[in-house]
Amino acid sequence: MKFTRQKPLGRYIADFYCASRLLVIELDGDSHYDERGQRYDERRTAELAGLGIRVLRLTNLEVMQTFKGVCAKIQDALEAKP
């Protein structure tokens, strides 16, 4: 599957986007876990869902500590029907 990095989608920029699967992968750092960041992410995810785009959120910590598990989650998301 081909992914585009830093892909503009509407008013937002996705970390990674797979157009053939309508899938965004977001890698979330600390700024996503306060109240303001969570509200922003919820609005963003809802807006992208309105465009038919799924969002898979992963934490930076997950990527660093369980890389194989992260790869499996991405593979599962790619195989799931949009």
C-alpha atoms as a PDB file:
ATOM      1  CA  MET A   1       0.000   0.000   0.000  1.00  0.00           C
ATOM      2  CA  LYS A   2       1.167   3.486  -0.774  1.00  0.00           C
ATOM      3  CA  PHE A   3       1.113   6.109   1.984  1.00  0.00           C
ATOM      4  CA  THR A   4       1.554   9.830   1.620  1.00  0.00           C
ATOM      5  CA  ARG A   5       3.215  11.637   4.493  1.00  0.00           C
ATOM      6  CA  GLN A   6       1.901  14.996   5.738  1.00  0.00           C
ATOM      7  CA  LYS A   7      -1.129  14.852   3.429  1.00  0.00           C
ATOM      8  CA  PRO A   8      -3.507  17.866   3.403  1.00  0.00           C
ATOM      9  CA  LEU A   9      -7.100  16.652   3.821  1.00  0.00           C
ATOM     10  CA  GLY A  10      -9.672  19.405   4.128  1.00  0.00           C
ATOM     11  CA  ARG A  11      -8.560  21.774   6.882  1.00  0.00           C
ATOM     12  CA  TYR A  12      -6.141  19.246   8.346  1.00  0.00           C
ATOM     13  CA  ILE A  13      -2.818  17.620   7.597  1.00  0.00           C
ATOM     14  CA  ALA A  14      -2.669  13.878   8.197  1.00  0.00           C
ATOM     15  CA  ASP A  15       0.557  12.297   9.423  1.00  0.00           C
ATOM     16  CA  PHE A  16       0.130   9.418   6.945  1.00  0.00           C
ATOM     17  CA  TYR A  17      -2.632   8.789   4.389  1.00  0.00           C
ATOM     18  CA  CYS A  18      -3.437   5.752   2.266  1.00  0.00           C
ATOM     19  CA  ALA A  19      -5.815   6.937  -0.477  1.00  0.00           C
ATOM     20  CA  SER A  20      -6.674   3.460  -1.752  1.00  0.00           C
ATOM     21  CA  ARG A  21      -7.953   2.484   1.720  1.00  0.00           C
ATOM     22  CA  LEU A  22      -9.185   5.922   2.844  1.00  0.00           C
ATOM     23  CA  LEU A  23      -7.080   5.495   5.962  1.00  0.00           C
ATOM     24  CA  VAL A  24      -5.252   8.098   8.021  1.00  0.00           C
ATOM     25  CA  ILE A  25      -2.652   7.061  10.558  1.00  0.00           C
ATOM     26  CA  GLU A  26      -1.924   9.594  13.261  1.00  0.00           C
ATOM     27  CA  LEU A  27       1.040   9.362  15.607  1.00  0.00           C
ATOM     28  CA  ASP A  28       0.085  11.186  18.773  1.00  0.00           C
ATOM     29  CA  GLY A  29       2.494  12.776  21.211  1.00  0.00           C
ATOM     30  CA  ASP A  30       1.885  14.427  24.564  1.00  0.00           C
ATOM     31  CA  SER A  31      -0.071  17.396  23.188  1.00  0.00           C
ATOM     32  CA  HIS A  32      -2.935  15.062  22.254  1.00  0.00           C
ATOM     33  CA  TYR A  33      -3.677  14.009  25.807  1.00  0.00           C
ATOM     34  CA  ASP A  34      -4.839  17.183  27.467  1.00  0.00           C
ATOM     35  CA  GLU A  35      -8.488  18.285  27.268  1.00  0.00           C
ATOM     36  CA  ARG A  36      -7.904  20.778  24.466  1.00  0.00           C
ATOM     37  CA  GLY A  37      -5.957  18.289  22.359  1.00  0.00           C
ATOM     38  CA  GLN A  38      -8.604  15.613  22.806  1.00  0.00           C
ATOM     39  CA  ARG A  39     -11.406  17.975  21.734  1.00  0.00           C
ATOM     40  CA  TYR A  40      -9.422  18.971  18.658  1.00  0.00           C
ATOM     41  CA  ASP A  41      -8.756  15.334  17.755  1.00  0.00           C
ATOM     42  CA  GLU A  42     -12.435  14.441  18.177  1.00  0.00           C
ATOM     43  CA  ARG A  43     -13.518  17.251  15.825  1.00  0.00           C
ATOM     44  CA  ARG A  44     -10.838  16.344  13.333  1.00  0.00           C
ATOM     45  CA  THR A  45     -11.708  12.647  13.359  1.00  0.00           C
ATOM     46  CA  ALA A  46     -15.414  13.451  12.917  1.00  0.00           C
ATOM     47  CA  GLU A  47     -14.698  15.763   9.988  1.00  0.00           C
ATOM     48  CA  LEU A  48     -12.497  13.170   8.290  1.00  0.00           C
ATOM     49  CA  ALA A  49     -15.131  10.486   8.922  1.00  0.00           C
ATOM     50  CA  GLY A  50     -17.605  12.756   7.142  1.00  0.00           C
ATOM     51  CA  LEU A  51     -15.318  12.472   4.108  1.00  0.00           C
ATOM     52  CA  GLY A  52     -15.357   8.675   4.419  1.00  0.00           C
ATOM     53  CA  ILE A  53     -11.853   8.549   5.885  1.00  0.00           C
ATOM     54  CA  ARG A  54     -10.986   6.276   8.805  1.00  0.00           C
ATOM     55  CA  VAL A  55      -8.452   7.408  11.397  1.00  0.00           C
ATOM     56  CA  LEU A  56      -6.120   5.058  13.257  1.00  0.00           C
ATOM     57  CA  ARG A  57      -4.465   6.763  16.214  1.00  0.00           C
ATOM     58  CA  LEU A  58      -1.264   5.409  17.667  1.00  0.00           C
ATOM     59  CA  THR A  59       0.852   6.880  20.408  1.00  0.00           C
ATOM     60  CA  ASN A  60       4.507   7.667  20.006  1.00  0.00           C
ATOM     61  CA  LEU A  61       5.092   5.407  23.011  1.00  0.00           C
ATOM     62  CA  GLU A  62       3.329   2.485  21.288  1.00  0.00           C
ATOM     63  CA  VAL A  63       5.562   2.890  18.266  1.00  0.00           C
ATOM     64  CA  MET A  64       8.692   2.970  20.390  1.00  0.00           C
ATOM     65  CA  GLN A  65       7.775   0.078  22.702  1.00  0.00           C
ATOM     66  CA  THR A  66       5.652  -2.280  20.584  1.00  0.00           C
ATOM     67  CA  PHE A  67       6.629  -1.692  16.974  1.00  0.00           C
ATOM     68  CA  LYS A  68       5.545  -5.152  15.803  1.00  0.00           C
ATOM     69  CA  GLY A  69       2.163  -4.659  17.458  1.00  0.00           C
ATOM     70  CA  VAL A  70       1.795  -1.278  15.759  1.00  0.00           C
ATOM     71  CA  CYS A  71       2.594  -2.879  12.401  1.00  0.00           C
ATOM     72  CA  ALA A  72      -0.081  -5.510  13.049  1.00  0.00           C
ATOM     73  CA  LYS A  73      -2.664  -2.809  13.891  1.00  0.00           C
ATOM     74  CA  ILE A  74      -1.844  -0.992  10.665  1.00  0.00           C
ATOM     75  CA  GLN A  75      -2.088  -4.203   8.660  1.00  0.00           C
ATOM     76  CA  ASP A  76      -5.477  -4.978  10.233  1.00  0.00           C
ATOM     77  CA  ALA A  77      -6.724  -1.468   9.409  1.00  0.00           C
ATOM     78  CA  LEU A  78      -5.542  -1.818   5.805  1.00  0.00           C
ATOM     79  CA  GLU A  79      -7.337  -5.134   5.427  1.00  0.00           C
ATOM     80  CA  ALA A  80     -10.583  -3.861   6.958  1.00  0.00           C
ATOM     81  CA  LYS A  81     -13.184  -2.607   4.528  1.00  0.00           C
ATOM     82  CA  PRO A  82     -13.630   1.184   4.532  1.00  0.00           C
END
